[in-house]
Protein backbone atom coordinates (compact mmCIF):
# COMPACT_ATOMS: atom_id res chain seq x y z
CA MET A 1 1.46 -27.45 -20.23
CA ASN A 2 0.50 -28.66 -17.21
CA SER A 3 2.56 -30.89 -16.42
CA LYS A 4 3.79 -30.61 -12.84
CA LYS A 5 6.75 -33.11 -13.26
CA SER A 6 9.99 -31.43 -13.05
CA ILE A 7 9.34 -29.69 -9.63
CA GLY A 8 7.26 -33.05 -7.99
CA ALA A 9 10.65 -34.35 -8.79
CA LEU A 10 12.83 -31.88 -6.93
CA ALA A 11 10.16 -32.50 -4.20
CA LEU A 12 11.43 -35.84 -3.07
CA LEU A 13 14.92 -34.76 -1.90
CA THR A 14 12.77 -31.86 0.19
CA ALA A 15 10.28 -33.18 1.68
CA GLY A 16 11.14 -34.77 4.97
CA ALA A 17 12.62 -31.76 5.86
CA PHE A 18 9.81 -30.26 5.34
CA ALA A 19 6.67 -32.01 5.88
CA LEU A 20 5.57 -30.91 9.35
CA THR A 21 5.76 -27.19 8.28
CA ALA A 22 3.52 -28.38 4.73
CA CYS A 23 1.52 -29.38 7.58
CA GLN A 24 1.58 -26.94 9.89
CA GLN A 25 0.50 -24.20 6.71
CA GLY A 26 -3.04 -26.11 5.93
CA SER A 27 -5.03 -26.13 2.80
CA ALA A 28 -3.69 -24.57 0.09
CA SER A 29 -6.68 -25.80 -2.25
CA GLY A 30 -8.76 -23.39 -0.59
CA GLY A 31 -6.19 -20.96 1.27
CA GLY A 32 -7.75 -20.44 4.90
CA GLY A 33 -11.02 -21.60 2.63
CA ASP A 34 -14.58 -20.58 3.68
CA SER A 35 -15.69 -19.57 7.17
CA GLU A 36 -19.65 -21.22 8.20
CA ASP A 37 -20.37 -17.52 8.14
CA GLY A 38 -19.35 -18.00 4.01
CA VAL A 39 -16.42 -15.31 4.30
CA VAL A 40 -13.43 -16.35 2.71
CA THR A 41 -10.50 -16.44 3.73
CA LEU A 42 -7.07 -15.61 1.15
CA GLN A 43 -3.90 -17.48 2.74
CA PHE A 44 -0.55 -14.28 1.73
CA GLN A 45 2.02 -16.01 2.70
CA SER A 46 5.20 -12.67 2.49
CA LEU A 47 9.17 -13.46 2.91
CA SER A 48 9.60 -9.68 4.13
CA ASP A 49 11.55 -9.55 7.46
CA GLN A 50 12.32 -5.68 7.47
CA PRO A 51 10.26 -4.78 10.70
CA ALA A 52 9.62 -1.74 8.81
CA THR A 53 8.49 -3.74 5.83
CA GLN A 54 5.64 -6.28 7.78
CA ALA A 55 4.68 -2.74 9.19
CA ALA A 56 3.13 -1.43 5.19
CA ILE A 57 2.15 -5.35 4.47
CA GLN A 58 -0.30 -4.76 7.30
CA GLU A 59 -0.79 -1.51 6.98
CA ALA A 60 -2.57 -3.09 3.18
CA VAL A 61 -3.80 -5.97 4.63
CA ASP A 62 -5.74 -4.33 7.10
CA SER A 63 -7.26 -1.50 4.70
CA TRP A 64 -7.75 -4.26 2.45
CA ASN A 65 -10.35 -5.91 5.28
CA SER A 66 -12.13 -3.15 6.19
CA ASP A 67 -13.39 -2.27 2.92
CA ASN A 68 -14.40 -6.06 1.95
CA PRO A 69 -15.42 -8.05 5.51
CA ASP A 70 -16.46 -10.98 2.40
CA VAL A 71 -12.80 -11.22 1.34
CA GLN A 72 -10.65 -11.92 4.55
CA VAL A 73 -6.27 -11.83 4.01
CA GLU A 74 -3.93 -13.52 6.87
CA ILE A 75 -0.47 -12.81 6.38
CA ILE A 76 1.54 -15.79 6.78
CA GLN A 77 4.55 -14.64 7.94
CA ALA A 78 7.72 -17.72 6.50
CA GLY A 79 11.40 -16.09 5.46
CA TRP A 80 13.67 -16.10 2.75
CA ASP A 81 16.25 -18.63 3.55
CA GLY A 82 14.94 -22.29 2.04
CA ALA A 83 12.21 -19.99 0.39
CA TYR A 84 12.83 -22.23 -2.79
CA ASP A 85 12.63 -25.46 -0.70
CA LYS A 86 9.29 -25.17 1.26
CA LEU A 87 7.52 -23.73 -1.83
CA ILE A 88 8.12 -27.44 -3.83
CA THR A 89 6.69 -28.65 -0.87
CA GLN A 90 4.06 -26.67 -0.62
CA PHE A 91 2.81 -26.76 -4.40
CA THR A 92 3.47 -30.32 -4.55
CA GLY A 93 1.97 -31.44 -1.30
CA GLY A 94 -1.28 -29.63 -2.24
CA THR A 95 -0.79 -26.99 1.12
CA ALA A 96 -0.14 -24.01 -0.77
CA PRO A 97 -1.01 -20.60 0.45
CA ASP A 98 -3.80 -18.61 -1.99
CA ILE A 99 -0.95 -15.29 -2.33
CA VAL A 100 3.50 -16.35 -2.52
CA HIS A 101 5.42 -13.58 -2.32
CA PHE A 102 9.06 -15.00 -4.24
CA GLU A 103 10.79 -13.93 -6.66
CA ALA A 104 11.33 -13.89 -10.96
CA ALA A 105 14.12 -15.68 -11.18
CA SER A 106 12.74 -18.42 -8.69
CA ILE A 107 8.49 -18.06 -9.22
CA VAL A 108 8.78 -18.78 -13.28
CA ALA A 109 9.69 -22.78 -12.80
CA PHE A 110 6.65 -23.29 -10.70
CA ALA A 111 5.00 -21.18 -13.56
CA GLN A 112 6.13 -23.23 -15.89
CA ASP A 113 4.94 -27.03 -14.34
CA GLY A 114 1.85 -25.28 -13.68
CA TYR A 115 1.00 -23.69 -10.52
CA LEU A 116 0.33 -20.72 -11.01
CA ALA A 117 -3.21 -18.61 -12.05
CA ASP A 118 -2.69 -16.43 -14.54
CA LEU A 119 -3.51 -12.90 -13.86
CA SER A 120 -4.12 -11.08 -17.67
CA GLU A 121 -7.38 -10.91 -17.34
CA GLY A 122 -7.70 -9.88 -13.38
CA LEU A 123 -5.26 -7.18 -13.11
CA SER A 124 -7.05 -3.42 -13.86
CA GLU A 125 -5.48 -2.43 -16.61
CA GLU A 126 -4.16 0.83 -14.87
CA THR A 127 -1.95 -1.84 -12.91
CA ILE A 128 -0.94 -3.20 -16.02
CA ALA A 129 -0.48 0.43 -17.44
CA ASP A 130 1.39 1.83 -14.08
CA ILE A 131 4.48 -1.35 -15.16
CA PRO A 132 6.96 -0.40 -18.19
CA GLU A 133 6.91 -4.15 -20.96
CA GLY A 134 10.70 -5.06 -19.73
CA ILE A 135 9.42 -5.18 -16.20
CA TRP A 136 5.89 -7.40 -17.26
CA ASP A 137 8.48 -10.29 -19.17
CA SER A 138 9.95 -11.07 -16.24
CA VAL A 139 6.78 -12.32 -14.45
CA THR A 140 5.31 -13.66 -18.21
CA VAL A 141 5.95 -17.24 -19.50
CA ASN A 142 3.50 -18.74 -22.69
CA ASP A 143 1.85 -15.13 -22.97
CA GLU A 144 0.62 -15.83 -19.62
CA ILE A 145 1.31 -13.34 -16.71
CA ILE A 146 2.22 -15.13 -13.90
CA ALA A 147 3.22 -13.17 -10.65
CA TYR A 148 2.89 -9.78 -10.08
CA PRO A 149 6.21 -7.27 -9.74
CA SER A 150 7.04 -5.26 -7.39
CA THR A 151 10.65 -4.50 -5.80
CA MET A 152 13.90 -4.75 -7.32
CA GLN A 153 17.29 -3.93 -6.69
CA SER A 154 19.64 -2.52 -9.46
CA TYR A 155 23.88 -2.22 -9.77
CA VAL A 156 24.81 1.35 -9.42
CA ALA A 157 28.01 2.86 -9.41
CA PHE A 158 28.75 5.10 -6.08
CA ALA A 159 31.38 7.85 -5.32
CA ASN A 160 33.87 9.87 -3.10
CA ALA A 161 33.26 13.15 -3.51
CA ASP A 162 35.90 14.53 -1.76
CA LEU A 163 38.21 11.97 -3.71
CA LEU A 164 37.18 12.63 -7.56
CA GLU A 165 37.64 16.22 -6.62
CA GLU A 166 41.20 15.75 -5.58
CA ALA A 167 41.99 13.95 -8.90
CA GLY A 168 40.53 17.13 -10.72
CA VAL A 169 37.39 14.55 -11.87
CA GLU A 170 33.53 16.72 -12.41
CA VAL A 171 30.99 13.97 -10.64
CA PRO A 172 29.29 12.46 -13.82
CA THR A 173 25.95 13.75 -13.86
CA GLY A 174 23.44 12.82 -17.24
CA ASP A 175 20.69 10.08 -18.32
CA SER A 176 23.79 7.52 -17.51
CA MET A 177 27.81 6.87 -17.48
CA SER A 178 28.89 5.13 -20.03
CA TRP A 179 31.38 1.86 -19.08
CA ASP A 180 34.73 4.02 -20.57
CA GLN A 181 33.55 6.76 -18.03
CA LEU A 182 33.69 4.55 -15.22
CA ALA A 183 37.18 3.15 -16.46
CA GLU A 184 38.30 6.31 -16.95
CA ILE A 185 37.47 7.71 -13.35
CA ALA A 186 39.03 4.79 -11.95
CA GLU A 187 42.21 5.01 -13.57
CA ALA A 188 42.31 9.86 -12.79
CA THR A 189 41.46 8.78 -9.16
CA THR A 190 43.86 5.59 -8.59
CA THR A 191 46.96 6.78 -6.35
CA ASP A 192 49.72 4.36 -4.16
CA ASP A 193 46.84 5.05 -1.67
CA VAL A 194 43.51 5.10 -3.15
CA TYR A 195 42.18 2.52 -5.74
CA GLY A 196 39.87 3.25 -7.97
CA LEU A 197 37.04 1.26 -8.07
CA GLY A 198 36.15 -1.21 -5.28
CA TRP A 199 34.04 -4.56 -6.33
CA GLY A 200 32.53 -6.49 -4.24
CA LEU A 201 32.00 -9.89 -6.42
CA GLY A 202 32.73 -12.80 -3.85
CA SER A 203 29.37 -14.54 -6.16
CA PRO A 204 29.83 -12.15 -9.30
CA ALA A 205 26.86 -14.19 -11.51
CA ALA A 206 24.03 -12.52 -10.25
CA THR A 207 26.15 -8.98 -11.15
CA VAL A 208 27.39 -10.28 -14.66
CA MET A 209 23.76 -11.25 -15.53
CA THR A 210 22.74 -8.41 -14.27
CA LEU A 211 24.58 -5.75 -16.42
CA ALA A 212 25.34 -7.97 -19.41
CA PRO A 213 22.17 -6.86 -20.70
CA GLY A 214 23.61 -3.32 -21.02
CA PHE A 215 25.33 -5.02 -24.37
CA GLY A 216 23.29 -7.00 -25.63
CA GLY A 217 24.31 -10.10 -23.90
CA ASP A 218 21.17 -12.82 -23.69
CA PHE A 219 23.07 -16.02 -23.30
CA PHE A 220 20.05 -18.24 -23.62
CA SER A 221 17.29 -18.48 -26.52
CA GLY A 222 13.75 -20.52 -25.80
CA SER A 223 12.68 -21.10 -23.23
CA GLY A 224 11.87 -24.52 -20.83
CA ASP A 225 13.22 -27.20 -21.02
CA ASP A 226 14.28 -26.18 -25.22
CA VAL A 227 17.04 -23.29 -24.47
CA GLN A 228 20.17 -22.66 -25.95
CA ILE A 229 23.18 -21.25 -24.70
CA GLU A 230 25.26 -18.98 -26.60
CA VAL A 231 28.71 -16.95 -25.13
CA GLY A 232 30.18 -14.72 -27.41
CA ASP A 233 31.08 -11.60 -27.80
CA ALA A 234 28.60 -9.73 -25.34
CA GLU A 235 28.32 -12.46 -22.90
CA LEU A 236 32.13 -11.84 -22.27
CA GLU A 237 31.65 -7.99 -22.23
CA VAL A 238 30.82 -7.66 -18.63
CA PRO A 239 33.42 -9.73 -16.90
CA GLU A 240 36.31 -8.69 -19.42
CA ARG A 241 36.01 -5.17 -18.96
CA ILE A 242 36.54 -5.99 -14.97
CA HIS A 243 39.53 -8.21 -15.62
CA GLU A 244 40.34 -5.25 -17.91
CA MET A 245 40.40 -3.11 -15.12
CA ALA A 246 41.42 -5.10 -12.31
CA TYR A 247 44.23 -6.56 -13.66
CA GLU A 248 45.44 -3.63 -16.99
CA ASP A 249 44.42 -0.88 -15.77
CA GLU A 250 45.30 -1.70 -12.68
CA SER A 251 42.96 0.43 -11.23
CA LEU A 252 40.29 -1.39 -9.75
CA ASP A 253 41.31 -3.89 -5.67
CA PRO A 254 41.43 -6.99 -7.08
CA VAL A 255 41.09 -7.59 -3.34
CA SER A 256 37.46 -7.04 -3.45
CA LEU A 257 36.47 -9.65 -6.03
CA THR A 258 37.24 -12.12 -3.42
CA GLN A 259 35.16 -10.15 -1.22
CA SER A 260 31.20 -9.15 -0.46
CA GLY A 261 29.51 -5.81 -1.17
CA SER A 262 28.60 -4.89 2.28
CA ASP A 263 33.03 -6.32 2.79
CA VAL A 264 33.85 -3.34 0.25
CA MET A 265 32.40 -0.44 2.20
CA ALA A 266 34.36 -0.15 4.47
CA SER A 267 37.12 0.75 2.07
CA PHE A 268 35.22 3.10 0.71
CA TYR A 269 34.24 4.88 4.38
CA GLY A 270 38.27 4.29 4.57
CA GLY A 271 39.16 6.39 1.60
CA THR A 272 41.23 3.54 -0.26
CA VAL A 273 38.90 3.33 -2.49
CA ALA A 274 36.99 6.83 -4.77
CA MET A 275 34.08 4.07 -6.08
CA THR A 276 32.65 1.42 -5.42
CA LEU A 277 30.19 -1.36 -7.25
CA GLN A 278 26.52 -1.41 -5.28
CA GLY A 279 23.25 -3.14 -5.18
CA SER A 280 21.65 0.12 -5.01
CA TYR A 281 19.66 -0.82 -1.73
CA GLN A 282 23.32 -0.14 -0.45
CA ALA A 283 22.36 3.81 -0.22
CA ALA A 284 19.82 3.30 2.27
CA ASN A 285 22.82 1.96 4.86
CA MET A 286 24.69 4.42 3.42
CA ALA A 287 22.46 7.12 4.37
CA THR A 288 22.43 5.96 7.87
CA ASP A 289 26.38 4.81 8.19
CA ALA A 290 28.16 6.76 6.79
CA PRO A 291 30.93 8.45 8.53
CA GLU A 292 28.91 11.92 9.49
CA ASP A 293 32.04 14.29 7.29
CA PHE A 294 31.47 11.87 4.28
CA ASN A 295 31.00 13.06 1.56
CA TRP A 296 29.15 10.77 -0.97
CA VAL A 297 26.88 10.38 -3.87
CA ALA A 298 25.27 7.72 -6.89
CA LEU A 299 26.47 8.00 -10.12
CA PRO A 300 24.46 7.93 -13.01
CA PRO A 301 22.95 4.55 -14.12
CA LEU A 302 26.09 2.39 -15.90
CA GLU A 303 25.10 2.26 -19.47
CA GLY A 304 27.01 -0.37 -22.04
CA SER A 305 26.59 -0.37 -26.59
CA GLU A 306 23.15 -1.35 -25.95
CA GLY A 307 21.54 1.31 -23.22
CA ALA A 308 21.27 1.60 -19.74
CA LEU A 309 19.81 -1.50 -19.31
CA GLN A 310 19.56 -3.71 -16.58
CA ALA A 311 18.13 -7.76 -16.40
CA ALA A 312 14.96 -7.41 -13.93
CA ASN A 313 14.34 -9.91 -11.34
CA PRO A 314 11.54 -7.99 -9.72
CA GLN A 315 10.21 -9.34 -6.35
CA THR A 316 6.35 -11.24 -6.91
CA TYR A 317 3.34 -11.89 -6.06
CA SER A 318 1.41 -15.27 -7.29
CA VAL A 319 -1.83 -16.81 -7.08
CA ASN A 320 -1.75 -20.78 -6.53
CA ILE A 321 -3.64 -22.33 -9.70
CA ASP A 322 -5.03 -24.38 -7.20
CA SER A 323 -6.51 -22.30 -4.74
CA GLU A 324 -10.43 -22.44 -4.11
CA HIS A 325 -10.58 -18.37 -4.82
CA VAL A 326 -8.23 -17.66 -7.60
CA GLU A 327 -10.14 -14.52 -9.09
CA GLU A 328 -10.07 -12.89 -5.27
CA ALA A 329 -6.94 -13.90 -4.47
CA THR A 330 -6.24 -11.53 -7.68
CA ALA A 331 -8.05 -8.89 -6.58
CA PHE A 332 -5.87 -7.92 -2.93
CA LEU A 333 -2.96 -8.25 -5.64
CA ASP A 334 -4.83 -5.60 -7.86
CA PHE A 335 -5.77 -3.64 -4.74
CA PHE A 336 -2.55 -4.47 -3.18
CA ALA A 337 -0.89 -3.11 -6.11
CA SER A 338 -1.20 0.37 -5.18
CA GLY A 339 1.52 3.29 -5.17
CA GLU A 340 1.66 4.22 -2.02
CA THR A 341 1.57 0.66 -0.92
CA LEU A 342 4.50 -0.13 -2.70
CA ALA A 343 6.46 3.56 -2.48
CA ALA A 344 6.01 2.36 1.75
CA ILE A 345 7.85 -1.38 0.43
CA ALA A 346 9.93 0.13 -0.88
CA GLN A 347 11.19 2.74 0.88
CA ALA A 348 11.58 0.68 3.46
CA ASP A 349 14.00 -2.07 2.02
CA ALA A 350 15.66 0.58 0.04
CA LEU A 351 14.58 -1.32 -3.53
CA ILE A 352 13.10 -0.08 -6.80
CA PRO A 353 9.39 0.04 -6.73
CA ALA A 354 8.23 -1.47 -10.27
CA SER A 355 5.32 0.73 -11.15
CA GLU A 356 5.86 4.33 -12.17
CA SER A 357 2.73 5.84 -9.81
CA ALA A 358 5.41 3.99 -6.68
CA ARG A 359 7.98 5.89 -8.53
CA GLU A 360 6.58 8.91 -8.47
CA VAL A 361 5.82 8.46 -4.34
CA VAL A 362 9.20 8.26 -4.07
CA ALA A 363 10.93 10.21 -6.22
CA THR A 364 8.41 13.32 -3.80
CA GLU A 365 8.81 11.75 -0.61
CA THR A 366 12.55 11.96 -1.02
CA GLY A 367 13.07 14.44 -3.21
CA GLY A 368 15.36 12.90 -5.17
CA GLU A 369 18.24 12.77 -1.70
CA ASP A 370 20.64 10.12 -0.82
CA GLY A 371 21.37 8.63 -3.65
CA TRP A 372 17.14 8.47 -4.60
CA GLU A 373 17.00 10.03 -8.45
CA GLN A 374 20.07 7.74 -9.55
CA ILE A 375 18.07 5.04 -8.01
CA LEU A 376 15.11 5.24 -10.03
CA ALA A 377 16.42 6.15 -13.40
CA THR A 378 17.50 2.89 -13.38
CA ALA A 379 14.15 1.28 -13.70
CA ASP A 380 13.92 3.35 -17.38
CA GLY A 381 16.59 0.50 -18.64
CA MET A 382 15.07 -2.68 -16.75
CA VAL A 383 14.30 -5.53 -19.04
CA GLY A 384 13.34 -9.12 -19.06
CA ALA A 385 16.08 -11.14 -18.45
CA PRO A 386 16.50 -15.18 -21.18
CA PHE A 387 17.86 -16.35 -17.97
CA LEU A 388 13.98 -16.41 -15.63
CA GLN A 389 12.86 -19.03 -18.49
CA ALA A 390 15.70 -21.31 -18.22
CA ASN A 391 14.81 -24.61 -16.91
CA GLY A 392 18.02 -25.09 -14.96
CA TYR A 393 19.14 -22.09 -14.74
CA ALA A 394 19.35 -21.48 -10.57
CA GLU A 395 21.36 -25.18 -9.71
CA TRP A 396 23.72 -23.94 -13.29
CA LYS A 397 24.42 -20.03 -11.46
CA GLU A 398 25.71 -21.97 -8.31
CA THR A 399 27.16 -24.62 -9.72
CA VAL A 400 28.98 -23.43 -13.15
CA LEU A 401 28.71 -20.27 -13.50
CA ASN A 402 30.07 -18.10 -10.75
CA PRO A 403 32.66 -21.22 -9.63
CA ALA A 404 33.44 -19.60 -13.70
CA LEU A 405 33.74 -16.53 -12.92
CA GLN A 406 35.78 -16.27 -9.82
CA GLN A 407 38.64 -18.32 -11.10
CA TYR A 408 38.11 -16.12 -14.35
CA LEU A 409 38.17 -11.83 -12.27
CA GLY A 410 40.59 -14.03 -9.89
CA ASP A 411 43.12 -14.04 -13.39
CA GLN A 412 43.57 -17.97 -13.08
CA ILE A 413 41.42 -18.86 -16.58
CA SER A 414 41.25 -16.72 -19.82
CA SER A 415 37.93 -15.49 -21.29
CA GLU A 416 38.07 -18.15 -23.58
CA GLU A 417 38.39 -20.46 -21.62
CA LEU A 418 35.46 -19.04 -19.91
CA ALA A 419 33.49 -18.93 -22.06
CA THR A 420 34.21 -23.13 -22.90
CA GLN A 421 33.26 -24.05 -19.07
CA LEU A 422 29.85 -21.62 -18.67
CA THR A 423 28.89 -23.58 -22.63
CA ASP A 424 30.09 -26.77 -21.77
CA GLY A 425 28.64 -26.56 -17.89
CA TRP A 426 25.14 -25.14 -19.88
CA GLY A 427 25.71 -29.31 -21.68
């Protein structure tokens, strides 16, 4: 369906704020357009804000431009703040660039409203085969590939190896670690002065939704506007286990449940929590910021009853369906998807590359040190999440899911009341 109506309605709320920005971007129908000498210029709007990431992207663009004098790519440097509203204005106003950088959870809505080109035929067989099916599922709408998935984050448990040793606990090894093991280690390392686990869940929605597939938690069925919600035992498993560690085992610092992940790092470095669950990108921060004598390790991927599964929400690169040069833009993305380019971007952002070839490059270049072995292993369990296909998910997440989870993890409501709030809130 190519209705282009749902997002258009939202644009009325934001058009005024972004009108000047949109006008400055030029015409989206041709991106940069064609010059008088017949050279095609493609506008590539990048949100990457780290200097090292920008340098990696620029190097790839420079290489393409050198090899393709008739099709030149121009980087338009933007940022993540306000990106969704800005894209609404650009797409509805006809000023969107040829190539769009975003994330799966947000870009799917634009595909459902007909703004993104199908990349299925333009990407090479090698590029498609290089990414696991579960990750492709996160960027597939109505059997069309609407974006190239580039890098992702997962959730990883990190441990103070010295505190585990003091408690007589061996550092877990192997392909995965069960939630029961996590709880047992947290209990074993809890003392009068130390909590076994610190977990920054001030905004818990993303964490819970990402880890839910490990227990078969889907939450949603259907797609677009035709979506049904079900909050049953599988969907409640992750928050219930967190709640149990905090209030029954008393091994999870309840104060950390009101903090951000970064806030908890001070307790981790200070030795008042033995383990912490963090976004995988924190490994890069620990490698540079941890005290010199701090002995930390990354633990194996966390496994639920259905496996060490996590919902994939990769950063993405899409092609504007109204571009005059869809074929050329898709060809650039196929070039951009090389293992070397994605590996450079992933290491600069401390994220996991979606492609297997890029993960091999990262594994070789890092030697698996600083947690990279365990972090890269989480990519094997990445799966597409039903919530990515649900229109209205972003609003429900912020207005219903986050507040309800905060109440539950604050021990203010029961799990039954949590389920009711989430179900009624969607309706």
